[in-house]
Amino acid sequence: MCLQMWPLASRITWQRYLLKHWLVGALACACLSVLALEINQANEAELDSIKGLGPAMTRKVLTARADKPFMNWKDLMSRVAGIGKAKAQQFSDQGVLVNGLALKP
């Protein structure tokens, strides 16, 4: 369909429709990116904002990550004392990712 063939009112309606849906999509993407937190890139303040990850655990994560980035959730759990399966699942449920992946339940 060519917009030039549509009457002016229809073109304006179509443009509003596209703008509205584009804005909704952009907002949804922005919300998802805010909810996800990559543990290999997060700074100290971002890690501290995770419920259940206090200052001591944050330091452990940062120290372990300084050696090399975490490859996956299993690597994170084995290198950071105090993060087991239950704690890792809690973090993943809050949007924490390791190498872009959530923990599979």
PDB file of N, CA and C in Angstrom:
ATOM      1  N   MET A   1       0.840  -1.182   0.000  1.00  0.00           N
ATOM      2  CA  MET A   1       0.000   0.000   0.000  1.00  0.00           C
ATOM      3  C   MET A   1       0.885   1.244   0.000  1.00  0.00           C
ATOM      4  N   CYS A   2       0.509   2.169  -0.766  1.00  0.00           N
ATOM      5  CA  CYS A   2       1.258   3.416  -0.864  1.00  0.00           C
ATOM      6  C   CYS A   2       0.514   4.505  -0.096  1.00  0.00           C
ATOM      7  N   LEU A   3       1.216   5.164   0.805  1.00  0.00           N
ATOM      8  CA  LEU A   3       0.571   6.201   1.606  1.00  0.00           C
ATOM      9  C   LEU A   3       0.111   7.383   0.767  1.00  0.00           C
ATOM     10  N   GLN A   4       0.723   7.596  -0.389  1.00  0.00           N
ATOM     11  CA  GLN A   4       0.333   8.722  -1.230  1.00  0.00           C
ATOM     12  C   GLN A   4      -1.084   8.553  -1.756  1.00  0.00           C
ATOM     13  N   MET A   5      -1.550   7.345  -1.853  1.00  0.00           N
ATOM     14  CA  MET A   5      -2.888   7.087  -2.386  1.00  0.00           C
ATOM     15  C   MET A   5      -3.963   7.234  -1.306  1.00  0.00           C
ATOM     16  N   TRP A   6      -3.565   7.249  -0.054  1.00  0.00           N
ATOM     17  CA  TRP A   6      -4.536   7.338   1.022  1.00  0.00           C
ATOM     18  C   TRP A   6      -4.990   8.786   1.191  1.00  0.00           C
ATOM     19  N   PRO A   7      -6.191   8.998   1.620  1.00  0.00           N
ATOM     20  CA  PRO A   7      -6.628  10.361   1.945  1.00  0.00           C
ATOM     21  C   PRO A   7      -5.795  10.893   3.117  1.00  0.00           C
ATOM     22  N   LEU A   8      -5.710  12.212   3.235  1.00  0.00           N
ATOM     23  CA  LEU A   8      -4.877  12.850   4.253  1.00  0.00           C
ATOM     24  C   LEU A   8      -5.223  12.381   5.662  1.00  0.00           C
ATOM     25  N   ALA A   9      -6.500  12.290   5.996  1.00  0.00           N
ATOM     26  CA  ALA A   9      -6.906  11.864   7.344  1.00  0.00           C
ATOM     27  C   ALA A   9      -6.411  10.451   7.638  1.00  0.00           C
ATOM     28  N   SER A  10      -6.461   9.588   6.653  1.00  0.00           N
ATOM     29  CA  SER A  10      -6.005   8.217   6.853  1.00  0.00           C
ATOM     30  C   SER A  10      -4.501   8.157   7.059  1.00  0.00           C
ATOM     31  N   ARG A  11      -3.760   9.000   6.337  1.00  0.00           N
ATOM     32  CA  ARG A  11      -2.304   9.023   6.501  1.00  0.00           C
ATOM     33  C   ARG A  11      -1.931   9.502   7.899  1.00  0.00           C
ATOM     34  N   ILE A  12      -2.621  10.524   8.387  1.00  0.00           N
ATOM     35  CA  ILE A  12      -2.335  11.041   9.726  1.00  0.00           C
ATOM     36  C   ILE A  12      -2.662   9.984  10.777  1.00  0.00           C
ATOM     37  N   THR A  13      -3.773   9.289  10.599  1.00  0.00           N
ATOM     38  CA  THR A  13      -4.155   8.220  11.522  1.00  0.00           C
ATOM     39  C   THR A  13      -3.095   7.117  11.511  1.00  0.00           C
ATOM     40  N   TRP A  14      -2.649   6.748  10.336  1.00  0.00           N
ATOM     41  CA  TRP A  14      -1.636   5.695  10.195  1.00  0.00           C
ATOM     42  C   TRP A  14      -0.317   6.131  10.853  1.00  0.00           C
ATOM     43  N   GLN A  15       0.056   7.388  10.659  1.00  0.00           N
ATOM     44  CA  GLN A  15       1.286   7.898  11.257  1.00  0.00           C
ATOM     45  C   GLN A  15       1.183   7.896  12.785  1.00  0.00           C
ATOM     46  N   ARG A  16       0.052   8.278  13.312  1.00  0.00           N
ATOM     47  CA  ARG A  16      -0.148   8.254  14.766  1.00  0.00           C
ATOM     48  C   ARG A  16      -0.089   6.828  15.298  1.00  0.00           C
ATOM     49  N   TYR A  17      -0.697   5.918  14.561  1.00  0.00           N
ATOM     50  CA  TYR A  17      -0.684   4.509  14.935  1.00  0.00           C
ATOM     51  C   TYR A  17       0.756   3.997  15.020  1.00  0.00           C
ATOM     52  N   LEU A  18       1.547   4.286  13.989  1.00  0.00           N
ATOM     53  CA  LEU A  18       2.934   3.825  13.968  1.00  0.00           C
ATOM     54  C   LEU A  18       3.746   4.461  15.103  1.00  0.00           C
ATOM     55  N   LEU A  19       3.554   5.756  15.313  1.00  0.00           N
ATOM     56  CA  LEU A  19       4.283   6.448  16.378  1.00  0.00           C
ATOM     57  C   LEU A  19       3.928   5.865  17.743  1.00  0.00           C
ATOM     58  N   LYS A  20       2.641   5.638  17.972  1.00  0.00           N
ATOM     59  CA  LYS A  20       2.191   5.101  19.258  1.00  0.00           C
ATOM     60  C   LYS A  20       2.809   3.725  19.508  1.00  0.00           C
ATOM     61  N   HIS A  21       2.783   2.864  18.504  1.00  0.00           N
ATOM     62  CA  HIS A  21       3.314   1.518  18.692  1.00  0.00           C
ATOM     63  C   HIS A  21       4.840   1.511  18.766  1.00  0.00           C
ATOM     64  N   TRP A  22       5.478   2.418  18.070  1.00  0.00           N
ATOM     65  CA  TRP A  22       6.926   2.527  18.167  1.00  0.00           C
ATOM     66  C   TRP A  22       7.312   2.961  19.581  1.00  0.00           C
ATOM     67  N   LEU A  23       6.585   3.925  20.135  1.00  0.00           N
ATOM     68  CA  LEU A  23       6.880   4.400  21.487  1.00  0.00           C
ATOM     69  C   LEU A  23       6.673   3.302  22.527  1.00  0.00           C
ATOM     70  N   VAL A  24       5.612   2.535  22.370  1.00  0.00           N
ATOM     71  CA  VAL A  24       5.347   1.432  23.302  1.00  0.00           C
ATOM     72  C   VAL A  24       6.482   0.412  23.226  1.00  0.00           C
ATOM     73  N   GLY A  25       6.915   0.079  22.021  1.00  0.00           N
ATOM     74  CA  GLY A  25       8.013  -0.870  21.846  1.00  0.00           C
ATOM     75  C   GLY A  25       9.313  -0.353  22.430  1.00  0.00           C
ATOM     76  N   ALA A  26       9.599   0.920  22.196  1.00  0.00           N
ATOM     77  CA  ALA A  26      10.825   1.517  22.726  1.00  0.00           C
ATOM     78  C   ALA A  26      10.809   1.530  24.254  1.00  0.00           C
ATOM     79  N   LEU A  27       9.657   1.844  24.834  1.00  0.00           N
ATOM     80  CA  LEU A  27       9.530   1.863  26.286  1.00  0.00           C
ATOM     81  C   LEU A  27       9.710   0.460  26.864  1.00  0.00           C
ATOM     82  N   ALA A  28       9.131  -0.539  26.204  1.00  0.00           N
ATOM     83  CA  ALA A  28       9.274  -1.919  26.672  1.00  0.00           C
ATOM     84  C   ALA A  28      10.738  -2.348  26.640  1.00  0.00           C
ATOM     85  N   CYS A  29      11.453  -2.005  25.593  1.00  0.00           N
ATOM     86  CA  CYS A  29      12.882  -2.345  25.502  1.00  0.00           C
ATOM     87  C   CYS A  29      13.672  -1.646  26.596  1.00  0.00           C
ATOM     88  N   ALA A  30      13.352  -0.396  26.837  1.00  0.00           N
ATOM     89  CA  ALA A  30      14.061   0.359  27.877  1.00  0.00           C
ATOM     90  C   ALA A  30      13.833  -0.268  29.247  1.00  0.00           C
ATOM     91  N   CYS A  31      12.596  -0.677  29.517  1.00  0.00           N
ATOM     92  CA  CYS A  31      12.289  -1.298  30.813  1.00  0.00           C
ATOM     93  C   CYS A  31      13.034  -2.616  30.975  1.00  0.00           C
ATOM     94  N   LEU A  32      13.077  -3.415  29.927  1.00  0.00           N
ATOM     95  CA  LEU A  32      13.769  -4.693  30.015  1.00  0.00           C
ATOM     96  C   LEU A  32      15.262  -4.502  30.224  1.00  0.00           C
ATOM     97  N   SER A  33      15.837  -3.507  29.585  1.00  0.00           N
ATOM     98  CA  SER A  33      17.265  -3.292  29.752  1.00  0.00           C
ATOM     99  C   SER A  33      17.586  -2.778  31.154  1.00  0.00           C
ATOM    100  N   VAL A  34      16.669  -2.057  31.770  1.00  0.00           N
ATOM    101  CA  VAL A  34      16.883  -1.573  33.131  1.00  0.00           C
ATOM    102  C   VAL A  34      16.772  -2.727  34.117  1.00  0.00           C
ATOM    103  N   LEU A  35      15.887  -3.660  33.861  1.00  0.00           N
ATOM    104  CA  LEU A  35      15.672  -4.776  34.773  1.00  0.00           C
ATOM    105  C   LEU A  35      16.802  -5.796  34.725  1.00  0.00           C
ATOM    106  N   ALA A  36      17.488  -5.888  33.609  1.00  0.00           N
ATOM    107  CA  ALA A  36      18.571  -6.852  33.480  1.00  0.00           C
ATOM    108  C   ALA A  36      19.880  -6.221  33.946  1.00  0.00           C
ATOM    109  N   LEU A  37      20.655  -6.982  34.697  1.00  0.00           N
ATOM    110  CA  LEU A  37      21.934  -6.499  35.203  1.00  0.00           C
ATOM    111  C   LEU A  37      22.980  -7.574  34.933  1.00  0.00           C
ATOM    112  N   GLU A  38      23.913  -7.270  34.048  1.00  0.00           N
ATOM    113  CA  GLU A  38      24.993  -8.202  33.713  1.00  0.00           C
ATOM    114  C   GLU A  38      26.050  -8.146  34.814  1.00  0.00           C
ATOM    115  N   ILE A  39      26.255  -9.265  35.476  1.00  0.00           N
ATOM    116  CA  ILE A  39      27.157  -9.289  36.634  1.00  0.00           C
ATOM    117  C   ILE A  39      28.610  -9.025  36.237  1.00  0.00           C
ATOM    118  N   ASN A  40      28.973  -9.335  35.006  1.00  0.00           N
ATOM    119  CA  ASN A  40      30.340  -9.093  34.553  1.00  0.00           C
ATOM    120  C   ASN A  40      30.611  -7.618  34.232  1.00  0.00           C
ATOM    121  N   GLN A  41      29.570  -6.799  34.171  1.00  0.00           N
ATOM    122  CA  GLN A  41      29.744  -5.386  33.840  1.00  0.00           C
ATOM    123  C   GLN A  41      29.250  -4.449  34.938  1.00  0.00           C
ATOM    124  N   ALA A  42      28.568  -4.980  35.916  1.00  0.00           N
ATOM    125  CA  ALA A  42      27.974  -4.151  36.973  1.00  0.00           C
ATOM    126  C   ALA A  42      29.045  -3.551  37.872  1.00  0.00           C
ATOM    127  N   ASN A  43      28.807  -2.311  38.283  1.00  0.00           N
ATOM    128  CA  ASN A  43      29.732  -1.672  39.223  1.00  0.00           C
ATOM    129  C   ASN A  43      29.296  -1.990  40.657  1.00  0.00           C
ATOM    130  N   GLU A  44      30.055  -1.494  41.618  1.00  0.00           N
ATOM    131  CA  GLU A  44      29.789  -1.817  43.022  1.00  0.00           C
ATOM    132  C   GLU A  44      28.399  -1.365  43.465  1.00  0.00           C
ATOM    133  N   ALA A  45      28.002  -0.165  43.074  1.00  0.00           N
ATOM    134  CA  ALA A  45      26.683   0.349  43.472  1.00  0.00           C
ATOM    135  C   ALA A  45      25.559  -0.493  42.865  1.00  0.00           C
ATOM    136  N   GLU A  46      25.722  -0.899  41.623  1.00  0.00           N
ATOM    137  CA  GLU A  46      24.692  -1.733  40.985  1.00  0.00           C
ATOM    138  C   GLU A  46      24.594  -3.091  41.660  1.00  0.00           C
ATOM    139  N   LEU A  47      25.728  -3.665  42.005  1.00  0.00           N
ATOM    140  CA  LEU A  47      25.707  -4.953  42.701  1.00  0.00           C
ATOM    141  C   LEU A  47      25.088  -4.817  44.088  1.00  0.00           C
ATOM    142  N   ASP A  48      25.389  -3.732  44.779  1.00  0.00           N
ATOM    143  CA  ASP A  48      24.810  -3.498  46.106  1.00  0.00           C
ATOM    144  C   ASP A  48      23.292  -3.340  46.051  1.00  0.00           C
ATOM    145  N   SER A  49      22.768  -2.934  44.898  1.00  0.00           N
ATOM    146  CA  SER A  49      21.320  -2.729  44.777  1.00  0.00           C
ATOM    147  C   SER A  49      20.546  -4.040  44.647  1.00  0.00           C
ATOM    148  N   ILE A  50      21.242  -5.138  44.451  1.00  0.00           N
ATOM    149  CA  ILE A  50      20.576  -6.440  44.323  1.00  0.00           C
ATOM    150  C   ILE A  50      20.192  -6.940  45.711  1.00  0.00           C
ATOM    151  N   LYS A  51      18.924  -7.261  45.870  1.00  0.00           N
ATOM    152  CA  LYS A  51      18.437  -7.763  47.158  1.00  0.00           C
ATOM    153  C   LYS A  51      19.116  -9.101  47.466  1.00  0.00           C
ATOM    154  N   GLY A  52      19.717  -9.184  48.652  1.00  0.00           N
ATOM    155  CA  GLY A  52      20.388 -10.409  49.068  1.00  0.00           C
ATOM    156  C   GLY A  52      21.886 -10.395  48.805  1.00  0.00           C
ATOM    157  N   LEU A  53      22.364  -9.372  48.117  1.00  0.00           N
ATOM    158  CA  LEU A  53      23.799  -9.258  47.830  1.00  0.00           C
ATOM    159  C   LEU A  53      24.320  -8.039  48.573  1.00  0.00           C
ATOM    160  N   GLY A  54      24.809  -8.263  49.786  1.00  0.00           N
ATOM    161  CA  GLY A  54      25.282  -7.155  50.614  1.00  0.00           C
ATOM    162  C   GLY A  54      26.684  -6.712  50.238  1.00  0.00           C
ATOM    163  N   PRO A  55      27.227  -5.762  51.001  1.00  0.00           N
ATOM    164  CA  PRO A  55      28.560  -5.224  50.700  1.00  0.00           C
ATOM    165  C   PRO A  55      29.672  -6.285  50.717  1.00  0.00           C
ATOM    166  N   ALA A  56      29.611  -7.215  51.654  1.00  0.00           N
ATOM    167  CA  ALA A  56      30.651  -8.255  51.735  1.00  0.00           C
ATOM    168  C   ALA A  56      30.608  -9.165  50.509  1.00  0.00           C
ATOM    169  N   MET A  57      29.411  -9.581  50.128  1.00  0.00           N
ATOM    170  CA  MET A  57      29.266 -10.450  48.960  1.00  0.00           C
ATOM    171  C   MET A  57      29.634  -9.692  47.680  1.00  0.00           C
ATOM    172  N   THR A  58      29.312  -8.410  47.640  1.00  0.00           N
ATOM    173  CA  THR A  58      29.671  -7.588  46.480  1.00  0.00           C
ATOM    174  C   THR A  58      31.182  -7.560  46.315  1.00  0.00           C
ATOM    175  N   ARG A  59      31.910  -7.396  47.423  1.00  0.00           N
ATOM    176  CA  ARG A  59      33.376  -7.389  47.359  1.00  0.00           C
ATOM    177  C   ARG A  59      33.912  -8.731  46.853  1.00  0.00           C
ATOM    178  N   LYS A  60      33.290  -9.822  47.296  1.00  0.00           N
ATOM    179  CA  LYS A  60      33.716 -11.151  46.830  1.00  0.00           C
ATOM    180  C   LYS A  60      33.506 -11.286  45.324  1.00  0.00           C
ATOM    181  N   VAL A  61      32.358 -10.813  44.850  1.00  0.00           N
ATOM    182  CA  VAL A  61      32.066 -10.888  43.414  1.00  0.00           C
ATOM    183  C   VAL A  61      33.076 -10.055  42.631  1.00  0.00           C
ATOM    184  N   LEU A  62      33.328  -8.838  43.084  1.00  0.00           N
ATOM    185  CA  LEU A  62      34.263  -7.956  42.377  1.00  0.00           C
ATOM    186  C   LEU A  62      35.683  -8.517  42.390  1.00  0.00           C
ATOM    187  N   THR A  63      36.100  -9.113  43.516  1.00  0.00           N
ATOM    188  CA  THR A  63      37.427  -9.708  43.608  1.00  0.00           C
ATOM    189  C   THR A  63      37.562 -10.888  42.658  1.00  0.00           C
ATOM    190  N   ALA A  64      36.569 -11.768  42.647  1.00  0.00           N
ATOM    191  CA  ALA A  64      36.605 -12.931  41.757  1.00  0.00           C
ATOM    192  C   ALA A  64      36.544 -12.496  40.293  1.00  0.00           C
ATOM    193  N   ARG A  65      35.751 -11.490  40.004  1.00  0.00           N
ATOM    194  CA  ARG A  65      35.603 -11.004  38.626  1.00  0.00           C
ATOM    195  C   ARG A  65      36.875 -10.312  38.137  1.00  0.00           C
ATOM    196  N   ALA A  66      37.661  -9.741  39.067  1.00  0.00           N
ATOM    197  CA  ALA A  66      38.907  -9.067  38.685  1.00  0.00           C
ATOM    198  C   ALA A  66      39.890 -10.047  38.047  1.00  0.00           C
ATOM    199  N   ASP A  67      39.881 -11.306  38.498  1.00  0.00           N
ATOM    200  CA  ASP A  67      40.758 -12.330  37.910  1.00  0.00           C
ATOM    201  C   ASP A  67      40.361 -12.608  36.467  1.00  0.00           C
ATOM    202  N   LYS A  68      39.088 -12.887  36.258  1.00  0.00           N
ATOM    203  CA  LYS A  68      38.539 -13.107  34.915  1.00  0.00           C
ATOM    204  C   LYS A  68      37.017 -13.068  35.014  1.00  0.00           C
ATOM    205  N   PRO A  69      36.343 -12.684  33.931  1.00  0.00           N
ATOM    206  CA  PRO A  69      34.872 -12.628  33.957  1.00  0.00           C
ATOM    207  C   PRO A  69      34.276 -14.019  34.207  1.00  0.00           C
ATOM    208  N   PHE A  70      33.081 -14.017  34.772  1.00  0.00           N
ATOM    209  CA  PHE A  70      32.381 -15.279  35.013  1.00  0.00           C
ATOM    210  C   PHE A  70      31.882 -15.824  33.671  1.00  0.00           C
ATOM    211  N   MET A  71      32.108 -17.101  33.442  1.00  0.00           N
ATOM    212  CA  MET A  71      31.704 -17.729  32.181  1.00  0.00           C
ATOM    213  C   MET A  71      30.215 -18.078  32.174  1.00  0.00           C
ATOM    214  N   ASN A  72      29.720 -18.524  33.332  1.00  0.00           N
ATOM    215  CA  ASN A  72      28.319 -18.936  33.452  1.00  0.00           C
ATOM    216  C   ASN A  72      27.955 -18.952  34.936  1.00  0.00           C
ATOM    217  N   TRP A  73      26.728 -19.340  35.217  1.00  0.00           N
ATOM    218  CA  TRP A  73      26.263 -19.356  36.607  1.00  0.00           C
ATOM    219  C   TRP A  73      27.051 -20.359  37.451  1.00  0.00           C
ATOM    220  N   LYS A  74      27.370 -21.503  36.877  1.00  0.00           N
ATOM    221  CA  LYS A  74      28.131 -22.522  37.617  1.00  0.00           C
ATOM    222  C   LYS A  74      29.499 -21.967  38.014  1.00  0.00           C
ATOM    223  N   ASP A  75      30.135 -21.245  37.100  1.00  0.00           N
ATOM    224  CA  ASP A  75      31.422 -20.620  37.375  1.00  0.00           C
ATOM    225  C   ASP A  75      31.288 -19.598  38.512  1.00  0.00           C
ATOM    226  N   LEU A  76      30.240 -18.786  38.469  1.00  0.00           N
ATOM    227  CA  LEU A  76      29.994 -17.799  39.529  1.00  0.00           C
ATOM    228  C   LEU A  76      29.816 -18.492  40.873  1.00  0.00           C
ATOM    229  N   MET A  77      29.001 -19.539  40.906  1.00  0.00           N
ATOM    230  CA  MET A  77      28.732 -20.243  42.168  1.00  0.00           C
ATOM    231  C   MET A  77      29.988 -20.927  42.715  1.00  0.00           C
ATOM    232  N   SER A  78      30.848 -21.400  41.852  1.00  0.00           N
ATOM    233  CA  SER A  78      32.055 -22.092  42.331  1.00  0.00           C
ATOM    234  C   SER A  78      33.135 -21.114  42.787  1.00  0.00           C
ATOM    235  N   ARG A  79      33.172 -19.920  42.228  1.00  0.00           N
ATOM    236  CA  ARG A  79      34.234 -18.965  42.562  1.00  0.00           C
ATOM    237  C   ARG A  79      33.875 -17.977  43.659  1.00  0.00           C
ATOM    238  N   VAL A  80      32.587 -17.801  43.954  1.00  0.00           N
ATOM    239  CA  VAL A  80      32.176 -16.848  44.993  1.00  0.00           C
ATOM    240  C   VAL A  80      31.527 -17.618  46.140  1.00  0.00           C
ATOM    241  N   ALA A  81      32.238 -17.680  47.263  1.00  0.00           N
ATOM    242  CA  ALA A  81      31.711 -18.372  48.440  1.00  0.00           C
ATOM    243  C   ALA A  81      30.457 -17.646  48.931  1.00  0.00           C
ATOM    244  N   GLY A  82      29.430 -18.419  49.238  1.00  0.00           N
ATOM    245  CA  GLY A  82      28.185 -17.832  49.735  1.00  0.00           C
ATOM    246  C   GLY A  82      27.096 -17.752  48.675  1.00  0.00           C
ATOM    247  N   ILE A  83      27.459 -18.005  47.417  1.00  0.00           N
ATOM    248  CA  ILE A  83      26.439 -18.034  46.360  1.00  0.00           C
ATOM    249  C   ILE A  83      26.256 -19.484  45.938  1.00  0.00           C
ATOM    250  N   GLY A  84      25.143 -20.033  46.393  1.00  0.00           N
ATOM    251  CA  GLY A  84      24.774 -21.387  46.017  1.00  0.00           C
ATOM    252  C   GLY A  84      23.626 -21.348  45.032  1.00  0.00           C
ATOM    253  N   LYS A  85      23.028 -22.486  44.820  1.00  0.00           N
ATOM    254  CA  LYS A  85      21.936 -22.602  43.843  1.00  0.00           C
ATOM    255  C   LYS A  85      20.752 -21.698  44.209  1.00  0.00           C
ATOM    256  N   ALA A  86      20.343 -21.708  45.472  1.00  0.00           N
ATOM    257  CA  ALA A  86      19.177 -20.916  45.896  1.00  0.00           C
ATOM    258  C   ALA A  86      19.445 -19.415  45.764  1.00  0.00           C
ATOM    259  N   LYS A  87      20.613 -18.981  46.194  1.00  0.00           N
ATOM    260  CA  LYS A  87      20.963 -17.565  46.114  1.00  0.00           C
ATOM    261  C   LYS A  87      21.101 -17.137  44.651  1.00  0.00           C
ATOM    262  N   ALA A  88      21.700 -17.984  43.839  1.00  0.00           N
ATOM    263  CA  ALA A  88      21.842 -17.680  42.414  1.00  0.00           C
ATOM    264  C   ALA A  88      20.465 -17.552  41.752  1.00  0.00           C
ATOM    265  N   GLN A  89      19.538 -18.425  42.122  1.00  0.00           N
ATOM    266  CA  GLN A  89      18.188 -18.354  41.562  1.00  0.00           C
ATOM    267  C   GLN A  89      17.499 -17.066  41.999  1.00  0.00           C
ATOM    268  N   GLN A  90      17.711 -16.674  43.246  1.00  0.00           N
ATOM    269  CA  GLN A  90      17.148 -15.417  43.760  1.00  0.00           C
ATOM    270  C   GLN A  90      17.675 -14.231  42.947  1.00  0.00           C
ATOM    271  N   PHE A  91      18.969 -14.209  42.672  1.00  0.00           N
ATOM    272  CA  PHE A  91      19.555 -13.122  41.888  1.00  0.00           C
ATOM    273  C   PHE A  91      19.027 -13.143  40.454  1.00  0.00           C
ATOM    274  N   SER A  92      18.953 -14.312  39.873  1.00  0.00           N
ATOM    275  CA  SER A  92      18.461 -14.433  38.499  1.00  0.00           C
ATOM    276  C   SER A  92      17.011 -13.970  38.387  1.00  0.00           C
ATOM    277  N   ASP A  93      16.207 -14.293  39.385  1.00  0.00           N
ATOM    278  CA  ASP A  93      14.804 -13.859  39.391  1.00  0.00           C
ATOM    279  C   ASP A  93      14.683 -12.339  39.453  1.00  0.00           C
ATOM    280  N   GLN A  94      15.716 -11.678  39.962  1.00  0.00           N
ATOM    281  CA  GLN A  94      15.722 -10.215  40.043  1.00  0.00           C
ATOM    282  C   GLN A  94      16.271  -9.573  38.764  1.00  0.00           C
ATOM    283  N   GLY A  95      16.685 -10.398  37.806  1.00  0.00           N
ATOM    284  CA  GLY A  95      17.171  -9.864  36.538  1.00  0.00           C
ATOM    285  C   GLY A  95      18.670  -9.887  36.365  1.00  0.00           C
ATOM    286  N   VAL A  96      19.393 -10.535  37.259  1.00  0.00           N
ATOM    287  CA  VAL A  96      20.845 -10.628  37.130  1.00  0.00           C
ATOM    288  C   VAL A  96      21.166 -11.668  36.051  1.00  0.00           C
ATOM    289  N   LEU A  97      22.115 -11.316  35.190  1.00  0.00           N
ATOM    290  CA  LEU A  97      22.547 -12.193  34.112  1.00  0.00           C
ATOM    291  C   LEU A  97      24.032 -12.475  34.247  1.00  0.00           C
ATOM    292  N   VAL A  98      24.435 -13.658  33.812  1.00  0.00           N
ATOM    293  CA  VAL A  98      25.858 -14.000  33.710  1.00  0.00           C
ATOM    294  C   VAL A  98      26.117 -14.316  32.249  1.00  0.00           C
ATOM    295  N   ASN A  99      26.964 -13.527  31.622  1.00  0.00           N
ATOM    296  CA  ASN A  99      27.221 -13.673  30.187  1.00  0.00           C
ATOM    297  C   ASN A  99      25.930 -13.613  29.377  1.00  0.00           C
ATOM    298  N   GLY A 100      25.022 -12.767  29.810  1.00  0.00           N
ATOM    299  CA  GLY A 100      23.767 -12.559  29.082  1.00  0.00           C
ATOM    300  C   GLY A 100      22.700 -13.611  29.321  1.00  0.00           C
ATOM    301  N   LEU A 101      22.952 -14.541  30.232  1.00  0.00           N
ATOM    302  CA  LEU A 101      22.003 -15.633  30.464  1.00  0.00           C
ATOM    303  C   LEU A 101      21.460 -15.622  31.893  1.00  0.00           C
ATOM    304  N   ALA A 102      20.163 -15.883  32.007  1.00  0.00           N
ATOM    305  CA  ALA A 102      19.544 -16.077  33.308  1.00  0.00           C
ATOM    306  C   ALA A 102      19.790 -17.521  33.738  1.00  0.00           C
ATOM    307  N   LEU A 103      19.681 -17.768  35.037  1.00  0.00           N
ATOM    308  CA  LEU A 103      19.853 -19.131  35.545  1.00  0.00           C
ATOM    309  C   LEU A 103      18.601 -19.931  35.211  1.00  0.00           C
ATOM    310  N   LYS A 104      18.801 -21.096  34.658  1.00  0.00           N
ATOM    311  CA  LYS A 104      17.664 -21.967  34.341  1.00  0.00           C
ATOM    312  C   LYS A 104      17.219 -22.667  35.609  1.00  0.00           C
ATOM    313  N   PRO A 105      15.910 -22.610  35.921  1.00  0.00           N
ATOM    314  CA  PRO A 105      15.431 -23.239  37.163  1.00  0.00           C
ATOM    315  C   PRO A 105      15.561 -24.743  37.171  1.00  0.00           C
TER     316      PRO A 105
END
